[in-house]
Amino acid sequence: MGTDALHAGEGRVSLGWQTSCGVDPGAISRSGGAYTFHKSSNHCSGGIFKQRSELNSGNISVNSKVTYAFETTVSMKTSQSNDFILFQVHDGRMGCSPPMSLRWTGGNALRFDSDYTRGKGMAGCVQNRGLRGAGYHGPSLRRDGTPYHLRVTLAFDGQGGFDVSVQINGSSALSGRYQPSADPQFVTSKRFYMKHGVYSQKPFDYEMRSVGMQVLRVG
């Protein structure tokens, strides 16, 4: 997957989505414009997360000054309150949190995870407080199959940074900025790509549906 997976111009963008690292049989299914995710062991290497059922996109150049909006209508059905990662902007690093993860918390809010990495696995991670400190202003998210329209707008600055804003059902819920560190001890991102699904430290039983997933170029 490369930057040629992106179609220039306004409107809908094709990012060449595919299953991330593989999943257990039946963990991801698609019917028309709806994806359904279930529990799967983590088939990727590294890290401490044991459960992964995710899609990932093709690459986005860190040198591209462009704004994309990821949109979908998502619903989670589970009796358990585990945290999980719903959406990510990754750069391929191992061990640490990527530049931006969007976490659905056990308290049924959203929050950002973000690290800088020295490229040494978990031992080289330093938390990025700029995104981790952002406050959530959205509704309490139910886990009974209630659908929520999710829109994540990403304004890439062409210099390895980006602004991110999250809307739930059309209302602003969370926002922040990923600014790469100027400290040379940290690894510089060479690419970005998006990830969407369920990624959690501990496995748990659930069914998540994502309907009408699309990426729009909005600037």
N, C-alpha and C. Protein backbone atom coordinates (compact mmCIF):
# COMPACT_ATOMS: atom_id res chain seq x y z
N MET A 1 0.84 -1.19 0.00
CA MET A 1 0.00 0.00 0.00
C MET A 1 0.87 1.24 0.00
N GLY A 2 0.58 2.21 -0.82
CA GLY A 2 1.36 3.43 -0.87
C GLY A 2 0.46 4.63 -1.04
N THR A 3 1.09 5.78 -1.22
CA THR A 3 0.30 7.00 -1.37
C THR A 3 -0.49 7.01 -2.67
N ASP A 4 -0.15 6.13 -3.62
CA ASP A 4 -0.94 6.07 -4.85
C ASP A 4 -2.30 5.43 -4.59
N ALA A 5 -2.53 4.93 -3.38
CA ALA A 5 -3.85 4.43 -3.02
C ALA A 5 -4.84 5.57 -2.84
N LEU A 6 -4.36 6.80 -2.70
CA LEU A 6 -5.22 7.95 -2.48
C LEU A 6 -5.64 8.56 -3.81
N HIS A 7 -6.88 8.93 -3.88
CA HIS A 7 -7.40 9.57 -5.08
C HIS A 7 -7.51 11.07 -4.81
N ALA A 8 -6.76 11.88 -5.53
CA ALA A 8 -6.76 13.32 -5.31
C ALA A 8 -8.11 13.91 -5.68
N GLY A 9 -8.39 15.10 -5.11
CA GLY A 9 -9.62 15.80 -5.41
C GLY A 9 -10.55 15.83 -4.22
N GLU A 10 -11.57 16.68 -4.31
CA GLU A 10 -12.53 16.79 -3.23
C GLU A 10 -13.46 15.59 -3.23
N GLY A 11 -14.10 15.35 -2.08
CA GLY A 11 -15.07 14.29 -1.98
C GLY A 11 -14.47 13.01 -1.44
N ARG A 12 -15.13 11.91 -1.72
CA ARG A 12 -14.76 10.63 -1.14
C ARG A 12 -13.39 10.17 -1.63
N VAL A 13 -12.61 9.59 -0.71
CA VAL A 13 -11.25 9.15 -0.98
C VAL A 13 -11.18 7.64 -0.80
N SER A 14 -10.53 6.96 -1.74
CA SER A 14 -10.30 5.53 -1.61
C SER A 14 -8.93 5.31 -0.96
N LEU A 15 -8.93 4.62 0.19
CA LEU A 15 -7.70 4.42 0.95
C LEU A 15 -7.24 2.96 0.98
N GLY A 16 -7.89 2.10 0.23
CA GLY A 16 -7.43 0.72 0.15
C GLY A 16 -7.48 -0.01 1.47
N TRP A 17 -8.62 0.04 2.17
CA TRP A 17 -8.75 -0.60 3.48
C TRP A 17 -8.60 -2.11 3.37
N GLN A 18 -7.95 -2.70 4.38
CA GLN A 18 -7.81 -4.15 4.45
C GLN A 18 -7.71 -4.58 5.91
N THR A 19 -7.85 -5.88 6.17
CA THR A 19 -7.74 -6.40 7.53
C THR A 19 -6.32 -6.22 8.05
N SER A 20 -6.21 -5.75 9.28
CA SER A 20 -4.91 -5.48 9.89
C SER A 20 -4.33 -6.75 10.49
N CYS A 21 -3.27 -7.28 9.90
CA CYS A 21 -2.51 -8.43 10.40
C CYS A 21 -3.26 -9.76 10.38
N GLY A 22 -4.49 -9.78 9.93
CA GLY A 22 -5.29 -10.99 10.00
C GLY A 22 -6.05 -11.08 11.32
N VAL A 23 -7.13 -11.86 11.32
CA VAL A 23 -7.96 -12.04 12.51
C VAL A 23 -8.40 -13.50 12.60
N ASP A 24 -8.95 -13.86 13.75
CA ASP A 24 -9.53 -15.19 13.90
C ASP A 24 -10.70 -15.35 12.93
N PRO A 25 -11.01 -16.58 12.51
CA PRO A 25 -12.12 -16.80 11.56
C PRO A 25 -13.43 -16.18 12.04
N GLY A 26 -14.06 -15.39 11.17
CA GLY A 26 -15.35 -14.79 11.47
C GLY A 26 -15.31 -13.53 12.29
N ALA A 27 -14.12 -13.05 12.64
CA ALA A 27 -14.03 -11.89 13.52
C ALA A 27 -14.44 -10.59 12.82
N ILE A 28 -14.21 -10.50 11.52
CA ILE A 28 -14.64 -9.33 10.75
C ILE A 28 -15.45 -9.82 9.56
N SER A 29 -16.65 -9.29 9.40
CA SER A 29 -17.47 -9.62 8.23
C SER A 29 -18.02 -8.34 7.64
N ARG A 30 -18.37 -8.41 6.37
CA ARG A 30 -18.90 -7.24 5.68
C ARG A 30 -20.14 -7.63 4.88
N SER A 31 -21.17 -6.81 4.99
CA SER A 31 -22.38 -6.98 4.19
C SER A 31 -22.77 -5.62 3.65
N GLY A 32 -22.57 -5.41 2.36
CA GLY A 32 -22.82 -4.11 1.78
C GLY A 32 -21.91 -3.07 2.40
N GLY A 33 -22.50 -2.02 2.95
CA GLY A 33 -21.72 -0.96 3.57
C GLY A 33 -21.54 -1.11 5.06
N ALA A 34 -21.79 -2.32 5.60
CA ALA A 34 -21.71 -2.53 7.05
C ALA A 34 -20.61 -3.55 7.37
N TYR A 35 -19.73 -3.17 8.28
CA TYR A 35 -18.73 -4.09 8.83
C TYR A 35 -19.20 -4.50 10.23
N THR A 36 -19.00 -5.78 10.55
CA THR A 36 -19.28 -6.28 11.88
C THR A 36 -18.00 -6.88 12.46
N PHE A 37 -17.66 -6.45 13.68
CA PHE A 37 -16.43 -6.87 14.35
C PHE A 37 -16.77 -7.70 15.58
N HIS A 38 -16.02 -8.79 15.77
CA HIS A 38 -16.12 -9.61 16.97
C HIS A 38 -14.71 -9.84 17.53
N LYS A 39 -14.68 -10.41 18.72
CA LYS A 39 -13.42 -10.68 19.41
C LYS A 39 -12.47 -11.52 18.55
N SER A 40 -11.18 -11.14 18.59
CA SER A 40 -10.13 -11.89 17.90
C SER A 40 -8.84 -11.75 18.69
N SER A 41 -8.01 -12.77 18.67
CA SER A 41 -6.67 -12.65 19.22
C SER A 41 -5.87 -11.68 18.35
N ASN A 42 -4.81 -11.13 18.91
CA ASN A 42 -3.97 -10.17 18.20
C ASN A 42 -2.96 -10.91 17.32
N HIS A 43 -3.10 -10.77 16.02
CA HIS A 43 -2.20 -11.45 15.08
C HIS A 43 -0.99 -10.59 14.71
N CYS A 44 -0.93 -9.35 15.21
CA CYS A 44 0.25 -8.51 14.99
C CYS A 44 1.30 -8.83 16.06
N SER A 45 2.53 -8.49 15.80
CA SER A 45 3.60 -8.74 16.76
C SER A 45 3.83 -7.51 17.63
N GLY A 46 4.37 -7.73 18.83
CA GLY A 46 4.74 -6.62 19.71
C GLY A 46 3.58 -6.08 20.51
N GLY A 47 3.91 -5.30 21.54
CA GLY A 47 2.90 -4.63 22.34
C GLY A 47 2.31 -5.53 23.42
N ILE A 48 1.38 -4.97 24.19
CA ILE A 48 0.77 -5.66 25.31
C ILE A 48 -0.72 -5.89 25.10
N PHE A 49 -1.27 -5.51 23.95
CA PHE A 49 -2.69 -5.67 23.68
C PHE A 49 -2.93 -7.07 23.12
N LYS A 50 -3.88 -7.81 23.71
CA LYS A 50 -4.12 -9.20 23.35
C LYS A 50 -5.27 -9.39 22.36
N GLN A 51 -6.07 -8.35 22.14
CA GLN A 51 -7.26 -8.46 21.29
C GLN A 51 -7.21 -7.43 20.17
N ARG A 52 -7.36 -7.90 18.93
CA ARG A 52 -7.36 -6.98 17.79
C ARG A 52 -8.29 -7.49 16.70
N SER A 53 -9.24 -6.65 16.32
CA SER A 53 -10.12 -6.91 15.18
C SER A 53 -10.26 -5.58 14.46
N GLU A 54 -9.34 -5.31 13.52
CA GLU A 54 -9.20 -3.97 12.95
C GLU A 54 -9.01 -4.01 11.43
N LEU A 55 -9.35 -2.89 10.82
CA LEU A 55 -9.01 -2.60 9.44
C LEU A 55 -7.93 -1.53 9.42
N ASN A 56 -7.08 -1.54 8.40
CA ASN A 56 -6.14 -0.42 8.23
C ASN A 56 -6.16 0.07 6.79
N SER A 57 -5.83 1.34 6.64
CA SER A 57 -5.88 2.00 5.33
C SER A 57 -4.51 1.97 4.67
N GLY A 58 -4.45 2.44 3.45
CA GLY A 58 -3.19 2.70 2.78
C GLY A 58 -2.49 3.91 3.39
N ASN A 59 -1.28 4.16 2.95
CA ASN A 59 -0.44 5.20 3.54
C ASN A 59 -0.85 6.61 3.12
N ILE A 60 -0.63 7.54 4.04
CA ILE A 60 -0.78 8.96 3.80
C ILE A 60 0.58 9.59 4.01
N SER A 61 1.08 10.32 3.05
CA SER A 61 2.40 10.92 3.15
C SER A 61 2.44 11.95 4.27
N VAL A 62 3.50 11.92 5.08
CA VAL A 62 3.65 12.92 6.14
C VAL A 62 3.91 14.30 5.53
N ASN A 63 4.26 14.35 4.25
CA ASN A 63 4.53 15.62 3.57
C ASN A 63 3.29 16.22 2.92
N SER A 64 2.15 15.54 3.03
CA SER A 64 0.92 16.02 2.41
C SER A 64 0.21 16.99 3.34
N LYS A 65 -0.07 18.19 2.83
CA LYS A 65 -0.89 19.15 3.57
C LYS A 65 -2.32 18.98 3.08
N VAL A 66 -3.11 18.24 3.84
CA VAL A 66 -4.43 17.84 3.38
C VAL A 66 -5.31 17.58 4.60
N THR A 67 -6.61 17.75 4.43
CA THR A 67 -7.56 17.48 5.51
C THR A 67 -8.52 16.38 5.08
N TYR A 68 -8.60 15.34 5.91
CA TYR A 68 -9.51 14.22 5.68
C TYR A 68 -10.50 14.12 6.82
N ALA A 69 -11.70 13.64 6.51
CA ALA A 69 -12.71 13.34 7.52
C ALA A 69 -13.08 11.87 7.42
N PHE A 70 -12.84 11.13 8.49
CA PHE A 70 -13.27 9.74 8.59
C PHE A 70 -14.66 9.73 9.20
N GLU A 71 -15.60 9.07 8.53
CA GLU A 71 -16.99 9.04 9.00
C GLU A 71 -17.51 7.61 9.02
N THR A 72 -18.30 7.30 10.04
CA THR A 72 -19.02 6.04 10.10
C THR A 72 -20.10 6.15 11.17
N THR A 73 -21.06 5.25 11.13
CA THR A 73 -22.04 5.11 12.20
C THR A 73 -21.72 3.83 12.94
N VAL A 74 -21.34 3.97 14.20
CA VAL A 74 -20.81 2.86 14.97
C VAL A 74 -21.73 2.52 16.14
N SER A 75 -21.86 1.23 16.40
CA SER A 75 -22.64 0.77 17.56
C SER A 75 -21.91 -0.38 18.23
N MET A 76 -21.90 -0.39 19.54
CA MET A 76 -21.24 -1.43 20.32
C MET A 76 -22.28 -2.14 21.17
N LYS A 77 -22.23 -3.48 21.14
CA LYS A 77 -23.13 -4.27 21.98
C LYS A 77 -22.29 -5.23 22.81
N THR A 78 -22.26 -5.00 24.11
CA THR A 78 -21.51 -5.85 25.03
C THR A 78 -22.02 -5.61 26.44
N SER A 79 -21.88 -6.61 27.29
CA SER A 79 -22.23 -6.47 28.70
C SER A 79 -21.02 -6.08 29.53
N GLN A 80 -19.86 -5.93 28.89
CA GLN A 80 -18.62 -5.65 29.61
C GLN A 80 -18.17 -4.21 29.40
N SER A 81 -17.33 -3.71 30.31
CA SER A 81 -16.98 -2.29 30.32
C SER A 81 -15.51 -2.05 29.94
N ASN A 82 -14.91 -2.99 29.22
CA ASN A 82 -13.50 -2.86 28.86
C ASN A 82 -13.24 -1.63 28.00
N ASP A 83 -12.11 -0.96 28.25
CA ASP A 83 -11.61 0.05 27.32
C ASP A 83 -11.25 -0.62 26.01
N PHE A 84 -11.40 0.12 24.90
CA PHE A 84 -10.88 -0.36 23.62
C PHE A 84 -10.57 0.82 22.72
N ILE A 85 -9.66 0.58 21.78
CA ILE A 85 -9.29 1.59 20.79
C ILE A 85 -10.20 1.44 19.59
N LEU A 86 -10.82 2.54 19.18
CA LEU A 86 -11.81 2.56 18.12
C LEU A 86 -11.24 3.02 16.78
N PHE A 87 -10.27 3.94 16.85
CA PHE A 87 -9.72 4.55 15.63
C PHE A 87 -8.30 5.01 15.95
N GLN A 88 -7.41 4.95 14.94
CA GLN A 88 -6.03 5.35 15.14
C GLN A 88 -5.48 6.06 13.91
N VAL A 89 -4.53 6.95 14.14
CA VAL A 89 -3.60 7.41 13.11
C VAL A 89 -2.24 6.85 13.51
N HIS A 90 -1.78 5.88 12.74
CA HIS A 90 -0.57 5.13 13.09
C HIS A 90 0.57 5.51 12.15
N ASP A 91 1.80 5.17 12.57
CA ASP A 91 2.95 5.39 11.69
C ASP A 91 3.83 4.14 11.60
N GLY A 92 3.31 2.99 12.09
CA GLY A 92 4.02 1.74 11.97
C GLY A 92 4.97 1.41 13.11
N ARG A 93 5.03 2.25 14.11
CA ARG A 93 5.93 2.02 15.26
C ARG A 93 5.54 0.75 16.00
N MET A 94 6.46 0.21 16.77
CA MET A 94 6.23 -0.99 17.56
C MET A 94 6.20 -0.63 19.04
N GLY A 95 5.21 -1.14 19.75
CA GLY A 95 5.19 -1.05 21.21
C GLY A 95 4.45 0.15 21.78
N CYS A 96 4.81 1.35 21.41
CA CYS A 96 4.21 2.55 21.98
C CYS A 96 2.86 2.87 21.34
N SER A 97 2.09 3.73 22.02
CA SER A 97 0.89 4.28 21.37
C SER A 97 1.29 5.04 20.12
N PRO A 98 0.47 5.02 19.08
CA PRO A 98 0.78 5.75 17.86
C PRO A 98 0.60 7.25 18.06
N PRO A 99 0.81 8.06 17.01
CA PRO A 99 0.58 9.50 17.16
C PRO A 99 -0.80 9.84 17.72
N MET A 100 -1.83 9.08 17.33
CA MET A 100 -3.15 9.32 17.89
C MET A 100 -3.98 8.04 17.89
N SER A 101 -4.50 7.68 19.06
CA SER A 101 -5.52 6.64 19.20
C SER A 101 -6.75 7.27 19.83
N LEU A 102 -7.93 6.83 19.39
CA LEU A 102 -9.19 7.27 19.98
C LEU A 102 -9.75 6.11 20.79
N ARG A 103 -9.78 6.30 22.10
CA ARG A 103 -10.16 5.22 23.02
C ARG A 103 -11.59 5.43 23.52
N TRP A 104 -12.40 4.36 23.43
CA TRP A 104 -13.72 4.31 24.08
C TRP A 104 -13.45 3.75 25.47
N THR A 105 -13.64 4.56 26.50
CA THR A 105 -13.21 4.20 27.84
C THR A 105 -14.25 3.33 28.56
N GLY A 106 -13.80 2.74 29.67
CA GLY A 106 -14.72 1.98 30.51
C GLY A 106 -15.81 2.85 31.12
N GLY A 107 -15.58 4.16 31.18
CA GLY A 107 -16.59 5.11 31.64
C GLY A 107 -17.49 5.62 30.53
N ASN A 108 -17.36 5.02 29.32
CA ASN A 108 -18.21 5.33 28.17
C ASN A 108 -18.08 6.78 27.69
N ALA A 109 -16.83 7.24 27.71
CA ALA A 109 -16.44 8.51 27.09
C ALA A 109 -15.38 8.19 26.04
N LEU A 110 -14.87 9.21 25.38
CA LEU A 110 -13.76 9.07 24.45
C LEU A 110 -12.56 9.84 24.98
N ARG A 111 -11.36 9.33 24.70
CA ARG A 111 -10.14 10.06 25.05
C ARG A 111 -9.06 9.72 24.03
N PHE A 112 -8.06 10.58 23.95
CA PHE A 112 -6.93 10.34 23.07
C PHE A 112 -5.81 9.63 23.82
N ASP A 113 -5.15 8.69 23.15
CA ASP A 113 -3.85 8.16 23.55
C ASP A 113 -2.84 8.66 22.53
N SER A 114 -1.62 8.95 22.98
CA SER A 114 -0.58 9.42 22.08
C SER A 114 0.76 9.32 22.79
N ASP A 115 1.77 8.84 22.07
CA ASP A 115 3.12 8.74 22.62
C ASP A 115 4.13 9.30 21.63
N TYR A 116 5.29 9.65 22.16
CA TYR A 116 6.51 9.76 21.37
C TYR A 116 7.32 8.48 21.62
N THR A 117 8.10 8.06 20.63
CA THR A 117 8.83 6.82 20.76
C THR A 117 10.31 7.00 20.42
N ARG A 118 11.15 6.33 21.20
CA ARG A 118 12.58 6.29 20.90
C ARG A 118 12.93 5.11 20.00
N GLY A 119 11.89 4.34 19.60
CA GLY A 119 12.12 3.21 18.72
C GLY A 119 12.70 2.00 19.42
N LYS A 120 12.44 1.87 20.73
CA LYS A 120 12.99 0.77 21.53
C LYS A 120 11.88 -0.06 22.16
N GLY A 121 10.73 -0.14 21.50
CA GLY A 121 9.61 -0.86 22.09
C GLY A 121 9.04 -0.11 23.28
N MET A 122 8.41 -0.84 24.21
CA MET A 122 7.74 -0.21 25.35
C MET A 122 8.70 0.63 26.20
N ALA A 123 9.97 0.25 26.24
CA ALA A 123 10.95 0.98 27.06
C ALA A 123 11.25 2.37 26.51
N GLY A 124 10.91 2.61 25.26
CA GLY A 124 11.21 3.89 24.65
C GLY A 124 10.03 4.83 24.52
N CYS A 125 8.94 4.56 25.23
CA CYS A 125 7.71 5.36 25.09
C CYS A 125 7.70 6.53 26.07
N VAL A 126 7.28 7.69 25.59
CA VAL A 126 7.05 8.87 26.43
C VAL A 126 5.68 9.42 26.07
N GLN A 127 4.81 9.57 27.06
CA GLN A 127 3.46 10.02 26.79
C GLN A 127 3.43 11.44 26.24
N ASN A 128 2.59 11.66 25.24
CA ASN A 128 2.36 12.98 24.67
C ASN A 128 1.17 13.60 25.40
N ARG A 129 1.47 14.45 26.36
CA ARG A 129 0.42 15.03 27.19
C ARG A 129 -0.48 15.99 26.41
N GLY A 130 0.04 16.51 25.29
CA GLY A 130 -0.75 17.45 24.51
C GLY A 130 -2.08 16.86 24.06
N LEU A 131 -2.08 15.60 23.60
CA LEU A 131 -3.33 14.95 23.20
C LEU A 131 -3.98 14.22 24.37
N ARG A 132 -3.19 13.59 25.21
CA ARG A 132 -3.76 12.81 26.31
C ARG A 132 -4.53 13.69 27.29
N GLY A 133 -4.22 14.97 27.34
CA GLY A 133 -4.89 15.86 28.28
C GLY A 133 -6.17 16.48 27.76
N ALA A 134 -6.58 16.16 26.53
CA ALA A 134 -7.80 16.75 25.97
C ALA A 134 -9.03 16.26 26.70
N GLY A 135 -9.99 17.14 26.93
CA GLY A 135 -11.21 16.79 27.66
C GLY A 135 -12.35 16.41 26.74
N TYR A 136 -13.13 15.43 27.15
CA TYR A 136 -14.29 14.94 26.38
C TYR A 136 -15.54 15.73 26.76
N HIS A 137 -16.30 16.15 25.75
CA HIS A 137 -17.50 16.95 25.97
C HIS A 137 -18.71 16.35 25.28
N GLY A 138 -18.68 15.04 25.04
CA GLY A 138 -19.78 14.38 24.34
C GLY A 138 -20.70 13.61 25.27
N PRO A 139 -21.63 12.85 24.70
CA PRO A 139 -22.59 12.09 25.50
C PRO A 139 -21.94 10.84 26.10
N SER A 140 -22.58 10.27 27.11
CA SER A 140 -22.19 8.96 27.62
C SER A 140 -22.57 7.93 26.54
N LEU A 141 -21.62 7.12 26.15
CA LEU A 141 -21.80 6.20 25.02
C LEU A 141 -22.33 4.86 25.51
N ARG A 142 -23.51 4.51 25.04
CA ARG A 142 -24.16 3.28 25.48
C ARG A 142 -23.57 2.06 24.75
N ARG A 143 -23.62 0.93 25.41
CA ARG A 143 -23.10 -0.33 24.84
C ARG A 143 -24.22 -1.33 24.60
N ASP A 144 -25.39 -0.82 24.24
CA ASP A 144 -26.56 -1.67 24.01
C ASP A 144 -26.95 -1.73 22.54
N GLY A 145 -26.01 -1.35 21.66
CA GLY A 145 -26.30 -1.32 20.23
C GLY A 145 -26.78 0.02 19.72
N THR A 146 -26.82 1.03 20.59
CA THR A 146 -27.22 2.38 20.16
C THR A 146 -26.23 2.89 19.11
N PRO A 147 -26.71 3.37 17.95
CA PRO A 147 -25.79 3.87 16.92
C PRO A 147 -25.37 5.31 17.18
N TYR A 148 -24.11 5.61 16.88
CA TYR A 148 -23.57 6.97 16.98
C TYR A 148 -22.85 7.30 15.68
N HIS A 149 -23.15 8.48 15.15
CA HIS A 149 -22.42 8.92 13.98
C HIS A 149 -21.10 9.55 14.44
N LEU A 150 -20.01 8.96 13.99
CA LEU A 150 -18.66 9.38 14.37
C LEU A 150 -18.00 10.07 13.19
N ARG A 151 -17.45 11.25 13.43
CA ARG A 151 -16.69 11.96 12.41
C ARG A 151 -15.37 12.42 13.05
N VAL A 152 -14.26 11.97 12.48
CA VAL A 152 -12.93 12.35 12.95
C VAL A 152 -12.27 13.14 11.83
N THR A 153 -12.05 14.43 12.05
CA THR A 153 -11.43 15.30 11.04
C THR A 153 -9.96 15.46 11.37
N LEU A 154 -9.12 15.22 10.37
CA LEU A 154 -7.67 15.23 10.53
C LEU A 154 -7.07 16.22 9.54
N ALA A 155 -6.49 17.30 10.06
CA ALA A 155 -5.87 18.32 9.23
C ALA A 155 -4.35 18.15 9.31
N PHE A 156 -3.78 17.44 8.33
CA PHE A 156 -2.34 17.19 8.28
C PHE A 156 -1.63 18.44 7.78
N ASP A 157 -0.53 18.81 8.45
CA ASP A 157 0.13 20.08 8.12
C ASP A 157 1.30 19.91 7.15
N GLY A 158 1.59 18.69 6.72
CA GLY A 158 2.68 18.45 5.78
C GLY A 158 4.06 18.47 6.42
N GLN A 159 4.11 18.59 7.75
CA GLN A 159 5.37 18.62 8.48
C GLN A 159 5.39 17.59 9.61
N GLY A 160 4.53 16.58 9.48
CA GLY A 160 4.49 15.51 10.47
C GLY A 160 3.55 15.72 11.62
N GLY A 161 2.78 16.81 11.60
CA GLY A 161 1.81 17.08 12.65
C GLY A 161 0.40 17.13 12.08
N PHE A 162 -0.59 17.12 12.96
CA PHE A 162 -1.98 17.24 12.51
C PHE A 162 -2.88 17.68 13.66
N ASP A 163 -3.92 18.42 13.30
CA ASP A 163 -5.01 18.74 14.21
C ASP A 163 -6.08 17.67 14.07
N VAL A 164 -6.72 17.31 15.16
CA VAL A 164 -7.77 16.30 15.13
C VAL A 164 -8.98 16.80 15.91
N SER A 165 -10.15 16.63 15.33
CA SER A 165 -11.40 16.96 16.02
C SER A 165 -12.38 15.81 15.83
N VAL A 166 -13.12 15.49 16.89
CA VAL A 166 -14.05 14.37 16.90
C VAL A 166 -15.44 14.90 17.16
N GLN A 167 -16.38 14.48 16.32
CA GLN A 167 -17.78 14.82 16.51
C GLN A 167 -18.59 13.54 16.72
N ILE A 168 -19.56 13.61 17.63
CA ILE A 168 -20.52 12.54 17.86
C ILE A 168 -21.90 13.09 17.54
N ASN A 169 -22.58 12.46 16.59
CA ASN A 169 -23.91 12.89 16.17
C ASN A 169 -23.94 14.37 15.82
N GLY A 170 -22.86 14.84 15.18
CA GLY A 170 -22.81 16.21 14.67
C GLY A 170 -22.34 17.25 15.66
N SER A 171 -22.07 16.86 16.91
CA SER A 171 -21.63 17.81 17.92
C SER A 171 -20.18 17.54 18.32
N SER A 172 -19.43 18.62 18.55
CA SER A 172 -18.03 18.50 18.92
C SER A 172 -17.89 17.78 20.26
N ALA A 173 -16.97 16.79 20.30
CA ALA A 173 -16.80 16.00 21.52
C ALA A 173 -15.38 16.00 22.05
N LEU A 174 -14.38 16.15 21.18
CA LEU A 174 -12.99 16.00 21.60
C LEU A 174 -12.11 16.61 20.52
N SER A 175 -11.05 17.30 20.90
CA SER A 175 -10.15 17.87 19.91
C SER A 175 -8.75 18.03 20.49
N GLY A 176 -7.77 18.12 19.62
CA GLY A 176 -6.40 18.32 20.05
C GLY A 176 -5.47 18.38 18.86
N ARG A 177 -4.19 18.36 19.15
CA ARG A 177 -3.18 18.43 18.09
C ARG A 177 -2.03 17.49 18.39
N TYR A 178 -1.58 16.78 17.36
CA TYR A 178 -0.35 16.02 17.46
C TYR A 178 0.77 16.86 16.85
N GLN A 179 1.71 17.26 17.70
CA GLN A 179 2.86 18.04 17.27
C GLN A 179 4.09 17.16 17.48
N PRO A 180 4.80 16.76 16.42
CA PRO A 180 5.98 15.92 16.63
C PRO A 180 7.03 16.65 17.46
N SER A 181 7.73 15.90 18.29
CA SER A 181 8.74 16.49 19.16
C SER A 181 9.96 16.92 18.34
N ALA A 182 10.55 18.05 18.75
CA ALA A 182 11.79 18.51 18.13
C ALA A 182 13.01 17.83 18.74
N ASP A 183 12.81 17.03 19.77
CA ASP A 183 13.92 16.34 20.44
C ASP A 183 14.42 15.20 19.55
N PRO A 184 15.68 15.20 19.15
CA PRO A 184 16.18 14.18 18.22
C PRO A 184 16.21 12.77 18.80
N GLN A 185 15.99 12.59 20.09
CA GLN A 185 15.95 11.24 20.65
C GLN A 185 14.72 10.47 20.19
N PHE A 186 13.69 11.19 19.70
CA PHE A 186 12.46 10.54 19.30
C PHE A 186 12.44 10.26 17.80
N VAL A 187 11.85 9.13 17.42
CA VAL A 187 11.77 8.72 16.02
C VAL A 187 10.76 9.60 15.28
N THR A 188 11.13 10.03 14.08
CA THR A 188 10.26 10.85 13.25
C THR A 188 9.37 9.95 12.38
N SER A 189 8.08 10.26 12.32
CA SER A 189 7.16 9.47 11.51
C SER A 189 7.52 9.59 10.03
N LYS A 190 7.54 8.45 9.33
CA LYS A 190 7.82 8.43 7.90
C LYS A 190 6.57 8.27 7.05
N ARG A 191 5.47 7.89 7.69
CA ARG A 191 4.19 7.69 7.01
C ARG A 191 3.09 7.73 8.06
N PHE A 192 1.86 7.94 7.61
CA PHE A 192 0.68 7.81 8.45
C PHE A 192 -0.29 6.87 7.75
N TYR A 193 -1.13 6.20 8.53
CA TYR A 193 -2.26 5.47 7.99
C TYR A 193 -3.33 5.36 9.08
N MET A 194 -4.57 5.13 8.67
CA MET A 194 -5.69 5.04 9.61
C MET A 194 -5.98 3.59 9.95
N LYS A 195 -6.54 3.39 11.16
CA LYS A 195 -6.99 2.08 11.59
C LYS A 195 -8.36 2.24 12.25
N HIS A 196 -9.23 1.25 12.07
CA HIS A 196 -10.58 1.30 12.63
C HIS A 196 -11.03 -0.11 13.00
N GLY A 197 -11.59 -0.23 14.19
CA GLY A 197 -12.09 -1.52 14.65
C GLY A 197 -12.09 -1.56 16.17
N VAL A 198 -11.74 -2.72 16.72
CA VAL A 198 -11.68 -2.90 18.17
C VAL A 198 -10.31 -3.48 18.52
N TYR A 199 -9.58 -2.75 19.36
CA TYR A 199 -8.22 -3.11 19.76
C TYR A 199 -8.15 -2.90 21.26
N SER A 200 -7.90 -3.98 22.04
CA SER A 200 -7.98 -3.87 23.48
C SER A 200 -6.89 -4.68 24.17
N GLN A 201 -6.56 -4.25 25.37
CA GLN A 201 -5.50 -4.93 26.12
C GLN A 201 -5.94 -6.32 26.54
N LYS A 202 -7.22 -6.46 26.92
CA LYS A 202 -7.76 -7.75 27.32
C LYS A 202 -8.89 -8.15 26.38
N PRO A 203 -8.97 -9.42 25.98
CA PRO A 203 -10.10 -9.88 25.15
C PRO A 203 -11.42 -9.78 25.92
N PHE A 204 -12.49 -9.47 25.21
CA PHE A 204 -13.83 -9.50 25.79
C PHE A 204 -14.83 -9.76 24.68
N ASP A 205 -15.99 -10.25 25.05
CA ASP A 205 -17.03 -10.59 24.07
C ASP A 205 -17.82 -9.33 23.70
N TYR A 206 -18.04 -9.14 22.40
CA TYR A 206 -18.76 -7.95 21.94
C TYR A 206 -19.21 -8.18 20.49
N GLU A 207 -20.08 -7.29 20.04
CA GLU A 207 -20.36 -7.13 18.61
C GLU A 207 -20.38 -5.64 18.32
N MET A 208 -19.50 -5.18 17.45
CA MET A 208 -19.50 -3.79 17.03
C MET A 208 -19.80 -3.72 15.55
N ARG A 209 -20.70 -2.81 15.20
CA ARG A 209 -21.05 -2.59 13.79
C ARG A 209 -20.60 -1.20 13.38
N SER A 210 -20.09 -1.11 12.16
CA SER A 210 -19.64 0.15 11.59
C SER A 210 -20.28 0.26 10.21
N VAL A 211 -21.20 1.21 10.06
CA VAL A 211 -22.05 1.30 8.87
C VAL A 211 -21.74 2.58 8.10
N GLY A 212 -21.53 2.44 6.79
CA GLY A 212 -21.31 3.61 5.93
C GLY A 212 -19.94 4.24 6.09
N MET A 213 -18.95 3.46 6.46
CA MET A 213 -17.59 3.99 6.66
C MET A 213 -17.07 4.61 5.38
N GLN A 214 -16.54 5.84 5.48
CA GLN A 214 -15.95 6.51 4.35
C GLN A 214 -14.93 7.55 4.82
N VAL A 215 -14.04 7.91 3.93
CA VAL A 215 -13.09 9.00 4.18
C VAL A 215 -13.33 10.06 3.11
N LEU A 216 -13.49 11.29 3.55
CA LEU A 216 -13.73 12.41 2.65
C LEU A 216 -12.55 13.35 2.69
N ARG A 217 -12.18 13.87 1.53
CA ARG A 217 -11.21 14.96 1.50
C ARG A 217 -11.98 16.26 1.61
N VAL A 218 -11.67 17.03 2.66
CA VAL A 218 -12.43 18.26 2.91
C VAL A 218 -11.56 19.50 2.87
N GLY A 219 -10.31 19.35 2.53
CA GLY A 219 -9.44 20.52 2.40
C GLY A 219 -8.04 20.13 1.98
